[in-house]
N, C-alpha and C. Protein backbone atom coordinates (compact mmCIF):
# COMPACT_ATOMS: atom_id res chain seq x y z
N UNK A 1 -54.98 -15.51 169.89
CA UNK A 1 -56.55 -15.63 170.02
C UNK A 1 -56.97 -16.93 170.11
N UNK A 2 -57.72 -17.27 171.09
CA UNK A 2 -58.42 -18.56 171.27
C UNK A 2 -59.53 -18.66 170.32
N UNK A 3 -59.87 -19.95 170.06
CA UNK A 3 -60.93 -20.19 169.04
C UNK A 3 -62.18 -20.78 170.22
N UNK A 4 -63.31 -20.74 169.67
CA UNK A 4 -64.39 -21.16 170.44
C UNK A 4 -63.94 -22.73 170.90
N UNK A 5 -63.37 -23.46 170.03
CA UNK A 5 -63.20 -24.79 170.44
C UNK A 5 -62.11 -24.98 171.45
N UNK A 6 -60.93 -24.20 171.38
CA UNK A 6 -60.13 -23.93 172.42
C UNK A 6 -60.62 -23.61 173.85
N UNK A 7 -61.29 -22.73 173.87
CA UNK A 7 -62.20 -21.90 175.03
C UNK A 7 -63.06 -23.29 175.65
N UNK A 8 -63.79 -24.13 174.89
CA UNK A 8 -64.54 -25.10 175.39
C UNK A 8 -63.61 -26.14 175.96
N UNK A 9 -62.64 -26.43 175.34
CA UNK A 9 -61.51 -27.50 175.89
C UNK A 9 -60.86 -26.90 177.25
N UNK A 10 -60.49 -25.43 177.20
CA UNK A 10 -59.94 -25.17 178.52
C UNK A 10 -61.18 -25.07 179.59
N UNK A 11 -62.47 -24.76 179.42
CA UNK A 11 -63.37 -24.91 180.44
C UNK A 11 -63.58 -26.30 180.96
N UNK A 12 -63.63 -27.32 179.94
CA UNK A 12 -63.61 -28.69 180.48
C UNK A 12 -62.52 -29.04 181.40
N UNK A 13 -61.21 -28.64 180.78
CA UNK A 13 -60.12 -28.87 181.62
C UNK A 13 -60.01 -28.41 183.04
N UNK A 14 -60.75 -27.09 183.09
CA UNK A 14 -60.70 -26.64 184.45
C UNK A 14 -61.63 -27.62 185.30
N UNK A 15 -62.81 -28.12 184.64
CA UNK A 15 -63.73 -28.94 185.51
C UNK A 15 -63.06 -30.26 185.60
N UNK A 16 -62.29 -30.72 184.80
CA UNK A 16 -61.35 -31.92 185.08
C UNK A 16 -60.75 -31.92 186.39
N UNK A 17 -59.80 -30.92 186.40
CA UNK A 17 -59.10 -30.39 187.59
C UNK A 17 -59.76 -30.17 188.88
N UNK A 18 -61.05 -29.75 188.61
CA UNK A 18 -61.96 -29.40 189.80
C UNK A 18 -62.54 -30.62 190.46
N UNK A 19 -62.32 -31.64 189.76
CA UNK A 19 -62.98 -33.23 190.14
C UNK A 19 -64.27 -33.57 189.72
N UNK A 20 -64.62 -32.84 188.60
CA UNK A 20 -65.73 -33.18 187.73
C UNK A 20 -65.67 -34.44 187.04
N UNK A 21 -66.07 -35.62 187.36
CA UNK A 21 -66.10 -36.91 186.85
C UNK A 21 -66.65 -36.75 185.36
N UNK A 22 -67.51 -36.19 184.92
CA UNK A 22 -68.24 -36.20 183.90
C UNK A 22 -67.41 -35.27 182.58
N UNK A 23 -66.65 -34.35 182.93
CA UNK A 23 -66.01 -33.61 182.27
C UNK A 23 -65.14 -34.17 181.23
N UNK A 24 -64.47 -35.19 181.52
CA UNK A 24 -63.57 -36.03 180.78
C UNK A 24 -64.48 -36.65 179.40
N UNK A 25 -65.38 -36.99 179.70
CA UNK A 25 -66.24 -37.60 178.66
C UNK A 25 -66.68 -36.67 177.62
N UNK A 26 -66.70 -35.24 177.84
CA UNK A 26 -67.28 -34.29 177.02
C UNK A 26 -65.66 -33.81 176.36
N UNK A 27 -64.70 -33.76 177.09
CA UNK A 27 -63.40 -33.29 176.63
C UNK A 27 -62.64 -34.11 175.59
N UNK A 28 -62.82 -35.21 175.53
CA UNK A 28 -62.20 -36.21 174.61
C UNK A 28 -62.67 -36.07 173.33
N UNK A 29 -64.18 -36.04 173.08
CA UNK A 29 -64.41 -35.94 171.61
C UNK A 29 -63.74 -34.57 170.78
N UNK A 30 -63.28 -33.66 171.65
CA UNK A 30 -62.64 -32.27 171.13
C UNK A 30 -61.37 -32.45 170.66
N UNK A 31 -60.90 -33.56 171.21
CA UNK A 31 -59.36 -33.92 170.53
C UNK A 31 -59.20 -35.39 170.17
N UNK A 32 -60.28 -36.03 169.74
CA UNK A 32 -60.36 -37.40 169.37
C UNK A 32 -59.68 -37.56 168.24
N UNK A 33 -59.57 -36.59 167.11
CA UNK A 33 -58.66 -36.82 165.92
C UNK A 33 -57.46 -36.77 166.19
N UNK A 34 -57.15 -35.81 167.23
CA UNK A 34 -55.42 -35.90 167.70
C UNK A 34 -55.01 -37.06 168.42
N UNK A 35 -56.01 -37.59 169.33
CA UNK A 35 -55.59 -38.72 169.90
C UNK A 35 -55.40 -39.68 169.17
N UNK A 36 -56.31 -40.04 168.14
CA UNK A 36 -56.09 -41.14 167.05
C UNK A 36 -54.68 -41.06 166.41
N UNK A 37 -54.33 -39.92 166.01
CA UNK A 37 -52.90 -39.58 165.16
C UNK A 37 -52.00 -40.03 166.21
N UNK A 38 -51.94 -39.55 167.53
CA UNK A 38 -51.13 -40.13 168.55
C UNK A 38 -50.99 -41.75 168.58
N UNK A 39 -51.97 -42.24 168.62
CA UNK A 39 -52.30 -43.66 168.84
C UNK A 39 -51.50 -44.28 167.49
N UNK A 40 -51.87 -43.65 166.19
CA UNK A 40 -51.41 -44.36 164.86
C UNK A 40 -49.92 -44.34 165.02
N UNK A 41 -49.27 -43.19 165.49
CA UNK A 41 -47.86 -42.84 165.53
C UNK A 41 -47.10 -43.83 166.35
N UNK A 42 -47.75 -44.16 167.57
CA UNK A 42 -47.24 -45.20 168.30
C UNK A 42 -47.25 -46.42 167.90
N UNK A 43 -48.61 -46.93 167.16
CA UNK A 43 -48.53 -48.30 166.82
C UNK A 43 -47.58 -48.41 165.66
N UNK A 44 -47.35 -47.42 164.71
CA UNK A 44 -46.48 -47.50 163.62
C UNK A 44 -45.13 -48.03 164.04
N UNK A 45 -44.64 -47.81 165.32
CA UNK A 45 -43.01 -48.12 165.64
C UNK A 45 -42.87 -49.70 165.90
N UNK A 46 -44.04 -50.45 165.78
CA UNK A 46 -43.94 -51.78 165.87
C UNK A 46 -43.83 -52.69 164.80
N UNK A 47 -42.79 -53.37 164.64
CA UNK A 47 -42.25 -54.17 163.53
C UNK A 47 -43.50 -55.41 163.47
N UNK A 48 -43.89 -55.61 162.36
CA UNK A 48 -44.96 -56.87 162.43
C UNK A 48 -46.32 -56.40 162.84
N UNK A 49 -46.63 -55.32 163.38
CA UNK A 49 -47.92 -54.94 163.90
C UNK A 49 -47.60 -54.60 165.24
N UNK A 50 -48.49 -53.69 166.00
CA UNK A 50 -48.28 -53.46 167.40
C UNK A 50 -49.18 -54.23 167.74
N UNK A 51 -48.95 -54.59 169.36
CA UNK A 51 -49.96 -55.85 170.07
C UNK A 51 -51.27 -55.30 170.22
N UNK A 52 -51.81 -54.19 169.80
CA UNK A 52 -53.07 -53.97 169.97
C UNK A 52 -53.48 -52.76 168.88
N UNK A 53 -54.66 -52.82 168.59
CA UNK A 53 -55.23 -52.17 167.55
C UNK A 53 -55.63 -50.72 168.13
N UNK A 54 -55.42 -49.64 167.07
CA UNK A 54 -55.69 -48.40 167.55
C UNK A 54 -56.89 -48.23 168.34
N UNK A 55 -58.00 -48.66 168.26
CA UNK A 55 -59.30 -48.30 168.69
C UNK A 55 -59.15 -48.81 170.40
N UNK A 56 -58.56 -50.08 170.41
CA UNK A 56 -58.46 -50.63 171.54
C UNK A 56 -57.39 -49.81 172.52
N UNK A 57 -56.25 -49.37 171.87
CA UNK A 57 -55.38 -48.77 172.56
C UNK A 57 -56.06 -47.27 173.07
N UNK A 58 -57.02 -46.50 172.20
CA UNK A 58 -57.49 -45.40 172.75
C UNK A 58 -58.35 -45.62 173.81
N UNK A 59 -59.13 -46.98 173.76
CA UNK A 59 -60.15 -47.21 174.89
C UNK A 59 -59.44 -47.30 176.12
N UNK A 60 -58.26 -48.14 176.09
CA UNK A 60 -57.42 -48.25 177.30
C UNK A 60 -56.72 -47.18 177.82
N UNK A 61 -56.31 -46.20 176.86
CA UNK A 61 -55.80 -45.05 177.28
C UNK A 61 -56.81 -44.26 178.21
N UNK A 62 -58.08 -44.10 177.47
CA UNK A 62 -58.90 -43.35 178.07
C UNK A 62 -59.27 -43.86 179.63
N UNK A 63 -59.31 -45.21 179.75
CA UNK A 63 -59.35 -45.86 180.99
C UNK A 63 -58.47 -45.42 182.23
N UNK A 64 -57.18 -45.44 181.57
CA UNK A 64 -56.02 -44.98 182.51
C UNK A 64 -56.22 -43.41 182.73
N UNK A 65 -56.55 -42.60 181.78
CA UNK A 65 -56.83 -41.16 182.05
C UNK A 65 -57.95 -40.89 183.01
N UNK A 66 -59.07 -41.71 182.89
CA UNK A 66 -60.08 -41.53 183.67
C UNK A 66 -59.83 -41.96 185.23
N UNK A 67 -58.77 -42.99 185.25
CA UNK A 67 -58.68 -43.47 186.53
C UNK A 67 -57.61 -42.63 187.45
N UNK A 68 -57.01 -41.54 186.94
CA UNK A 68 -56.29 -40.77 187.26
C UNK A 68 -56.97 -40.02 188.67
N UNK A 69 -56.60 -40.07 189.70
CA UNK A 69 -57.02 -39.61 190.90
C UNK A 69 -57.19 -37.95 190.84
N UNK A 70 -56.13 -37.36 190.84
CA UNK A 70 -55.88 -35.86 190.71
C UNK A 70 -55.30 -35.42 189.57
N UNK A 71 -56.07 -35.34 188.34
CA UNK A 71 -55.47 -35.01 187.09
C UNK A 71 -55.11 -33.62 187.20
N UNK A 72 -53.92 -33.23 186.58
CA UNK A 72 -53.55 -31.82 186.55
C UNK A 72 -52.91 -31.49 185.09
N UNK A 73 -53.74 -31.63 184.34
CA UNK A 73 -53.43 -31.41 182.75
C UNK A 73 -53.62 -29.83 182.73
N UNK A 74 -52.67 -29.32 182.29
CA UNK A 74 -52.50 -27.95 182.13
C UNK A 74 -53.17 -27.21 180.83
N UNK A 75 -53.03 -27.70 179.77
CA UNK A 75 -53.34 -27.56 178.43
C UNK A 75 -53.46 -28.51 177.63
N UNK A 76 -53.95 -28.23 176.25
CA UNK A 76 -54.05 -29.17 175.31
C UNK A 76 -52.96 -29.99 175.09
N UNK A 77 -51.72 -29.30 174.90
CA UNK A 77 -50.57 -30.11 174.55
C UNK A 77 -50.16 -30.92 175.66
N UNK A 78 -50.50 -30.70 176.78
CA UNK A 78 -50.17 -31.19 178.13
C UNK A 78 -50.99 -32.84 178.30
N UNK A 79 -52.23 -32.31 177.79
CA UNK A 79 -53.04 -33.53 177.97
C UNK A 79 -52.77 -34.54 176.98
N UNK A 80 -52.57 -34.00 175.73
CA UNK A 80 -52.01 -35.02 174.63
C UNK A 80 -50.81 -35.76 175.02
N UNK A 81 -49.62 -35.04 175.96
CA UNK A 81 -48.60 -35.69 176.16
C UNK A 81 -48.62 -36.74 177.05
N UNK A 82 -49.74 -36.23 178.11
CA UNK A 82 -50.12 -37.59 179.22
C UNK A 82 -50.74 -38.72 178.29
N UNK A 83 -51.65 -38.43 177.40
CA UNK A 83 -52.22 -39.53 176.78
C UNK A 83 -51.26 -40.37 176.00
N UNK A 84 -50.26 -39.65 175.53
CA UNK A 84 -49.16 -40.45 174.75
C UNK A 84 -48.45 -41.29 175.65
N UNK A 85 -48.25 -40.80 176.91
CA UNK A 85 -47.32 -41.62 177.77
C UNK A 85 -48.17 -42.82 178.35
N UNK A 86 -49.53 -42.54 178.33
CA UNK A 86 -50.54 -43.73 178.84
C UNK A 86 -50.41 -44.85 177.73
N UNK A 87 -50.62 -44.31 176.44
CA UNK A 87 -50.52 -45.23 175.39
C UNK A 87 -49.17 -46.09 175.14
N UNK A 88 -48.11 -45.36 175.42
CA UNK A 88 -46.81 -45.96 175.43
C UNK A 88 -46.71 -47.10 176.19
N UNK A 89 -47.15 -46.99 177.64
CA UNK A 89 -47.04 -47.74 178.78
C UNK A 89 -47.97 -48.96 178.32
N UNK A 90 -49.17 -48.74 178.02
CA UNK A 90 -49.94 -49.96 177.41
C UNK A 90 -49.48 -50.72 176.08
N UNK A 91 -48.61 -50.07 175.54
CA UNK A 91 -47.99 -50.93 174.27
C UNK A 91 -46.89 -51.63 174.97
N UNK A 92 -46.26 -51.02 175.97
CA UNK A 92 -45.04 -51.91 176.46
C UNK A 92 -45.64 -53.02 177.44
N UNK A 93 -46.58 -52.83 178.06
CA UNK A 93 -47.02 -53.86 178.92
C UNK A 93 -47.49 -54.96 177.90
N UNK A 94 -48.04 -54.79 176.70
CA UNK A 94 -48.73 -55.92 175.87
C UNK A 94 -47.46 -56.38 175.23
N UNK A 95 -46.36 -55.71 174.95
CA UNK A 95 -45.20 -56.37 174.32
C UNK A 95 -44.54 -57.26 175.32
N UNK A 96 -44.41 -56.74 176.64
CA UNK A 96 -43.61 -57.56 177.49
C UNK A 96 -44.56 -58.85 177.74
N UNK A 97 -45.54 -58.83 177.78
CA UNK A 97 -46.32 -60.19 178.00
C UNK A 97 -46.17 -60.91 176.48
N UNK A 98 -46.21 -60.43 175.38
CA UNK A 98 -46.30 -61.15 174.11
C UNK A 98 -44.68 -61.76 174.14
N UNK A 99 -43.70 -60.87 174.57
CA UNK A 99 -42.22 -61.31 174.48
C UNK A 99 -42.09 -62.37 175.37
N UNK A 100 -42.49 -62.53 176.55
CA UNK A 100 -42.55 -63.53 177.66
C UNK A 100 -43.30 -64.70 177.06
N UNK A 101 -44.34 -64.75 176.56
CA UNK A 101 -45.13 -65.82 175.94
C UNK A 101 -44.26 -66.49 174.93
N UNK A 102 -43.57 -65.71 173.85
CA UNK A 102 -42.97 -66.25 172.83
C UNK A 102 -41.55 -67.08 173.33
N UNK A 103 -40.89 -66.23 173.97
CA UNK A 103 -39.70 -66.78 174.29
C UNK A 103 -39.27 -67.19 175.81
N UNK A 104 -40.28 -67.47 176.54
CA UNK A 104 -40.05 -67.72 177.87
C UNK A 104 -39.46 -66.69 178.73
N UNK A 105 -39.60 -65.35 178.16
CA UNK A 105 -38.96 -64.37 178.88
C UNK A 105 -37.37 -63.84 178.46
N UNK A 106 -37.05 -64.62 177.50
CA UNK A 106 -35.53 -64.43 177.05
C UNK A 106 -35.73 -63.48 175.81
N UNK A 107 -34.97 -62.48 175.65
CA UNK A 107 -35.03 -61.43 174.74
C UNK A 107 -34.13 -61.93 173.31
N UNK A 108 -34.34 -61.73 172.07
CA UNK A 108 -33.35 -61.87 171.03
C UNK A 108 -32.32 -60.94 171.18
N UNK A 109 -31.17 -61.09 170.93
CA UNK A 109 -30.29 -60.33 170.76
C UNK A 109 -30.45 -59.27 169.56
N UNK A 110 -30.21 -58.01 169.74
CA UNK A 110 -30.24 -57.10 168.59
C UNK A 110 -28.91 -56.26 168.70
N UNK A 111 -28.91 -55.30 167.62
CA UNK A 111 -27.75 -54.57 167.16
C UNK A 111 -28.06 -53.22 167.68
N UNK A 112 -26.90 -52.57 168.26
CA UNK A 112 -27.14 -51.39 168.67
C UNK A 112 -27.46 -50.41 167.77
N UNK A 113 -27.34 -50.54 166.30
CA UNK A 113 -27.68 -49.84 165.20
C UNK A 113 -29.25 -49.69 165.07
N UNK A 114 -29.89 -50.58 165.41
CA UNK A 114 -31.49 -50.51 165.55
C UNK A 114 -31.82 -49.63 166.71
N UNK A 115 -31.34 -49.55 167.94
CA UNK A 115 -31.44 -48.69 168.84
C UNK A 115 -31.18 -47.32 168.62
N UNK A 116 -30.19 -47.34 167.91
CA UNK A 116 -29.46 -45.86 167.59
C UNK A 116 -30.49 -45.23 166.73
N UNK A 117 -31.00 -45.72 165.66
CA UNK A 117 -32.06 -45.46 164.60
C UNK A 117 -33.22 -45.04 165.39
N UNK A 118 -33.79 -45.67 166.42
CA UNK A 118 -34.88 -45.32 167.07
C UNK A 118 -34.80 -44.00 167.62
N UNK A 119 -33.62 -43.66 168.53
CA UNK A 119 -33.46 -42.60 169.22
C UNK A 119 -33.25 -41.38 168.27
N UNK A 120 -32.78 -41.66 167.03
CA UNK A 120 -32.49 -40.59 166.23
C UNK A 120 -33.59 -40.08 165.56
N UNK A 121 -34.86 -40.81 165.64
CA UNK A 121 -35.96 -40.59 164.85
C UNK A 121 -37.25 -40.28 165.71
N UNK A 122 -37.53 -39.00 166.28
CA UNK A 122 -38.70 -38.74 166.95
C UNK A 122 -39.70 -38.56 165.97
N UNK A 123 -40.87 -39.18 166.37
CA UNK A 123 -42.03 -38.97 165.52
C UNK A 123 -42.11 -39.78 164.00
N UNK A 124 -41.03 -40.31 163.89
CA UNK A 124 -40.92 -40.82 162.56
C UNK A 124 -41.64 -42.20 162.40
N UNK A 125 -42.09 -42.64 161.15
CA UNK A 125 -42.77 -44.12 161.08
C UNK A 125 -41.67 -45.10 160.88
N UNK A 126 -40.80 -45.23 161.98
CA UNK A 126 -39.58 -46.16 162.00
C UNK A 126 -40.25 -47.33 162.76
N UNK A 127 -40.22 -48.80 162.24
CA UNK A 127 -40.64 -49.69 162.97
C UNK A 127 -39.72 -50.25 163.64
N UNK A 128 -39.80 -51.17 164.81
CA UNK A 128 -38.81 -51.68 165.52
C UNK A 128 -39.42 -52.73 166.11
N UNK A 129 -38.47 -53.87 166.55
CA UNK A 129 -38.96 -55.07 167.13
C UNK A 129 -39.38 -54.78 168.60
N UNK A 130 -40.07 -55.61 169.06
CA UNK A 130 -40.54 -55.38 170.64
C UNK A 130 -39.08 -55.45 171.30
N UNK A 131 -38.06 -56.02 171.23
CA UNK A 131 -37.01 -56.10 172.00
C UNK A 131 -36.16 -54.65 171.94
N UNK A 132 -36.17 -53.94 170.81
CA UNK A 132 -35.61 -52.74 170.83
C UNK A 132 -36.58 -51.68 171.55
N UNK A 133 -37.72 -51.69 171.59
CA UNK A 133 -38.71 -50.75 172.19
C UNK A 133 -38.63 -51.07 173.95
N UNK A 134 -38.52 -52.48 174.11
CA UNK A 134 -38.43 -52.72 175.52
C UNK A 134 -37.12 -52.42 176.22
N UNK A 135 -35.99 -52.51 175.36
CA UNK A 135 -34.75 -51.91 175.99
C UNK A 135 -34.76 -50.59 176.07
N UNK A 136 -35.58 -49.72 175.07
CA UNK A 136 -35.58 -48.32 175.41
C UNK A 136 -36.40 -47.95 176.55
N UNK A 137 -37.61 -48.75 176.92
CA UNK A 137 -38.37 -48.33 177.93
C UNK A 137 -37.39 -48.74 179.43
N UNK A 138 -36.69 -49.77 179.28
CA UNK A 138 -35.98 -49.83 180.56
C UNK A 138 -34.99 -48.97 180.82
N UNK A 139 -34.38 -48.36 179.53
CA UNK A 139 -33.39 -47.34 179.86
C UNK A 139 -34.08 -46.06 180.10
N UNK A 140 -35.28 -45.66 179.75
CA UNK A 140 -35.98 -44.54 180.10
C UNK A 140 -36.25 -44.57 181.79
N UNK A 141 -36.37 -45.87 182.36
CA UNK A 141 -36.82 -46.00 183.80
C UNK A 141 -35.45 -45.74 184.58
N UNK A 142 -34.34 -46.07 184.00
CA UNK A 142 -33.03 -45.71 184.58
C UNK A 142 -32.57 -44.26 184.57
N UNK A 143 -33.05 -43.56 183.39
CA UNK A 143 -32.84 -42.34 183.13
C UNK A 143 -33.79 -41.49 184.26
N UNK A 144 -34.81 -41.81 184.58
CA UNK A 144 -35.89 -41.33 185.33
C UNK A 144 -35.38 -41.30 186.67
N UNK A 145 -34.47 -42.24 187.15
CA UNK A 145 -33.75 -42.35 188.61
C UNK A 145 -32.75 -41.25 188.76
N UNK A 146 -32.23 -40.87 187.50
CA UNK A 146 -31.32 -39.72 187.35
C UNK A 146 -32.15 -38.48 187.34
N UNK A 147 -33.06 -38.17 186.35
CA UNK A 147 -33.74 -36.89 186.31
C UNK A 147 -35.03 -37.21 185.44
N UNK A 148 -35.94 -36.63 186.11
CA UNK A 148 -37.45 -36.78 185.43
C UNK A 148 -37.62 -36.10 184.26
N UNK A 149 -37.18 -34.86 184.07
CA UNK A 149 -37.38 -33.96 183.08
C UNK A 149 -37.11 -34.47 181.52
N UNK A 150 -35.95 -35.11 181.43
CA UNK A 150 -35.47 -35.69 180.21
C UNK A 150 -36.37 -36.88 179.59
N UNK A 151 -36.84 -37.45 180.65
CA UNK A 151 -37.87 -38.64 180.33
C UNK A 151 -39.06 -38.02 179.84
N UNK A 152 -39.69 -36.94 180.40
CA UNK A 152 -40.87 -36.15 179.93
C UNK A 152 -40.52 -35.77 178.63
N UNK A 153 -39.49 -35.12 178.14
CA UNK A 153 -39.29 -34.63 176.95
C UNK A 153 -39.14 -35.81 176.18
N UNK A 154 -38.49 -36.76 176.46
CA UNK A 154 -38.36 -38.10 175.46
C UNK A 154 -39.82 -38.55 175.31
N UNK A 155 -40.91 -38.64 176.04
CA UNK A 155 -42.10 -38.91 175.95
C UNK A 155 -42.90 -38.13 174.92
N UNK A 156 -42.72 -36.93 175.08
CA UNK A 156 -43.35 -35.91 174.17
C UNK A 156 -42.71 -35.95 172.71
N UNK A 157 -41.42 -35.87 172.67
CA UNK A 157 -40.69 -35.83 171.29
C UNK A 157 -40.67 -36.90 170.57
N UNK A 158 -40.19 -38.33 171.36
CA UNK A 158 -40.10 -39.49 170.69
C UNK A 158 -41.53 -40.31 170.41
N UNK A 159 -42.31 -40.24 171.48
CA UNK A 159 -43.52 -41.01 171.46
C UNK A 159 -44.85 -40.50 171.02
N UNK A 160 -44.71 -39.08 171.31
CA UNK A 160 -45.96 -38.25 170.88
C UNK A 160 -45.48 -37.49 169.45
N UNK A 161 -44.36 -37.63 169.27
CA UNK A 161 -43.97 -36.81 167.74
C UNK A 161 -44.17 -35.38 168.08
N UNK A 162 -44.11 -34.67 169.21
CA UNK A 162 -44.28 -33.37 169.32
C UNK A 162 -42.85 -32.61 168.77
N UNK A 163 -43.15 -31.38 168.22
CA UNK A 163 -41.96 -30.61 168.06
C UNK A 163 -41.41 -30.06 169.34
N UNK A 164 -40.12 -29.28 169.27
CA UNK A 164 -39.76 -28.77 170.40
C UNK A 164 -40.60 -27.74 170.82
N UNK A 165 -41.14 -26.84 170.22
CA UNK A 165 -42.13 -25.75 170.80
C UNK A 165 -43.38 -26.37 171.50
N UNK A 166 -43.77 -27.58 170.64
CA UNK A 166 -45.10 -28.07 171.34
C UNK A 166 -44.72 -28.90 172.82
N UNK A 167 -43.27 -29.26 172.80
CA UNK A 167 -42.78 -30.00 173.92
C UNK A 167 -42.84 -28.88 175.01
N UNK A 168 -42.26 -27.80 174.64
CA UNK A 168 -42.25 -26.74 175.78
C UNK A 168 -43.56 -26.43 176.28
N UNK A 169 -44.65 -26.31 175.32
CA UNK A 169 -45.86 -25.93 175.84
C UNK A 169 -46.40 -26.83 176.57
N UNK A 170 -46.30 -28.18 176.28
CA UNK A 170 -46.86 -29.18 177.27
C UNK A 170 -46.17 -29.42 178.50
N UNK A 171 -44.79 -29.08 178.72
CA UNK A 171 -44.28 -29.37 179.80
C UNK A 171 -44.16 -27.74 180.66
N UNK A 172 -44.47 -26.75 180.11
CA UNK A 172 -44.69 -25.65 180.74
C UNK A 172 -43.16 -24.96 180.92
N UNK A 173 -42.35 -25.13 179.86
CA UNK A 173 -40.92 -24.65 179.83
C UNK A 173 -40.57 -23.97 178.65
N UNK A 174 -39.10 -23.60 178.48
CA UNK A 174 -38.93 -22.96 177.38
C UNK A 174 -38.52 -23.91 176.08
N UNK A 175 -38.45 -23.47 174.78
CA UNK A 175 -37.97 -24.49 173.99
C UNK A 175 -36.55 -24.47 174.23
N UNK A 176 -35.79 -23.61 174.61
CA UNK A 176 -34.08 -23.82 174.59
C UNK A 176 -34.04 -24.95 175.63
N UNK A 177 -34.79 -25.00 176.93
CA UNK A 177 -34.90 -26.01 177.99
C UNK A 177 -34.86 -27.25 177.38
N UNK A 178 -36.08 -27.37 176.52
CA UNK A 178 -36.18 -28.49 175.76
C UNK A 178 -35.25 -29.08 175.05
N UNK A 179 -34.67 -28.28 174.14
CA UNK A 179 -33.63 -28.69 173.31
C UNK A 179 -32.36 -29.12 174.28
N UNK A 180 -31.94 -28.51 175.43
CA UNK A 180 -31.04 -29.01 176.04
C UNK A 180 -31.15 -30.54 176.65
N UNK A 181 -32.56 -30.50 177.13
CA UNK A 181 -32.91 -31.72 177.73
C UNK A 181 -32.98 -32.89 176.65
N UNK A 182 -33.51 -32.47 175.40
CA UNK A 182 -33.51 -33.45 174.31
C UNK A 182 -32.02 -33.87 174.01
N UNK A 183 -31.15 -33.10 173.96
CA UNK A 183 -29.70 -33.59 173.83
C UNK A 183 -29.09 -34.41 174.83
N UNK A 184 -29.43 -34.02 176.17
CA UNK A 184 -28.89 -34.70 177.20
C UNK A 184 -29.44 -36.17 177.24
N UNK A 185 -30.87 -36.14 176.99
CA UNK A 185 -31.44 -37.47 176.96
C UNK A 185 -30.90 -38.45 176.00
N UNK A 186 -30.96 -38.13 174.81
CA UNK A 186 -30.24 -38.74 173.83
C UNK A 186 -29.02 -39.28 173.99
N UNK A 187 -28.02 -38.22 174.35
CA UNK A 187 -26.73 -38.92 174.88
C UNK A 187 -26.53 -39.77 175.94
N UNK A 188 -27.45 -39.57 177.02
CA UNK A 188 -27.55 -40.70 178.00
C UNK A 188 -27.99 -41.84 177.44
N UNK A 189 -29.14 -41.88 176.74
CA UNK A 189 -29.63 -43.18 176.31
C UNK A 189 -28.43 -43.89 175.29
N UNK A 190 -27.88 -43.25 174.46
CA UNK A 190 -26.74 -43.89 173.45
C UNK A 190 -26.07 -44.60 174.45
N UNK A 191 -25.32 -44.02 175.45
CA UNK A 191 -24.27 -44.71 176.24
C UNK A 191 -24.93 -45.58 177.07
N UNK A 192 -26.17 -45.54 177.68
CA UNK A 192 -26.82 -46.64 178.40
C UNK A 192 -27.06 -47.82 177.88
N UNK A 193 -27.59 -47.43 176.64
CA UNK A 193 -28.27 -48.87 175.81
C UNK A 193 -27.09 -49.35 175.18
N UNK A 194 -26.19 -48.85 174.71
CA UNK A 194 -24.75 -49.45 174.22
C UNK A 194 -24.29 -50.25 175.02
N UNK A 195 -23.95 -49.92 176.45
CA UNK A 195 -23.36 -50.76 177.35
C UNK A 195 -24.38 -51.93 177.81
N UNK A 196 -25.82 -51.63 177.81
CA UNK A 196 -27.01 -52.83 177.87
C UNK A 196 -26.80 -53.70 176.65
N UNK A 197 -26.68 -53.35 175.36
CA UNK A 197 -26.74 -54.23 174.25
C UNK A 197 -25.44 -55.05 174.29
N UNK A 198 -24.46 -54.28 174.35
CA UNK A 198 -23.05 -54.89 174.37
C UNK A 198 -22.75 -55.69 175.45
N UNK A 199 -23.10 -55.26 176.50
CA UNK A 199 -23.00 -56.16 177.78
C UNK A 199 -23.76 -57.62 177.71
N UNK A 200 -24.67 -57.41 176.99
CA UNK A 200 -25.77 -58.75 176.85
C UNK A 200 -25.13 -59.64 175.95
N UNK A 201 -24.13 -59.30 175.08
CA UNK A 201 -23.41 -60.05 174.33
C UNK A 201 -22.35 -61.07 174.59
N UNK A 202 -22.04 -60.74 175.74
CA UNK A 202 -20.77 -61.54 176.42
C UNK A 202 -21.32 -62.71 177.09
């Protein structure tokens, strides 16, 4: 049974899909607390502090969401997953600029154990260096060339901290499909990142 808040959110979501430019301004306050939690969870992954503050991250994510020409957000979980994806890319973009400025574009060598810990810890408050998260982002782009769905599952599980049922709702699929995709994505990333890290040591 839907609550008045859920009904209001769904009405606004329909208005967004219908091209109402003002609806997003009304929709965001309804999930602002959840967006803050997603933003804090994303920032906690960065050792030594994320390259942007939570409020600024939320503001930049809002600008990206508002800039989407034909948003097709299906429900609350899907909207939060899309927002988490936008936040991830904002943090990655800032980290790339910071990494290039500090080291002239050369990354510090890291152990595969650090990458492995990241992949195994969806939604956990596990901090990592810029280099580890940048390597993970590069690997996710390579995975997207193979299959898009596992990347969407990774974004929900790893970056938004969603459970398997929440991920299934966000992606409009079944929990069993999410479980299979999550296993496939992690297996693929282990292999790809091990090759990337060990190959860079030669």
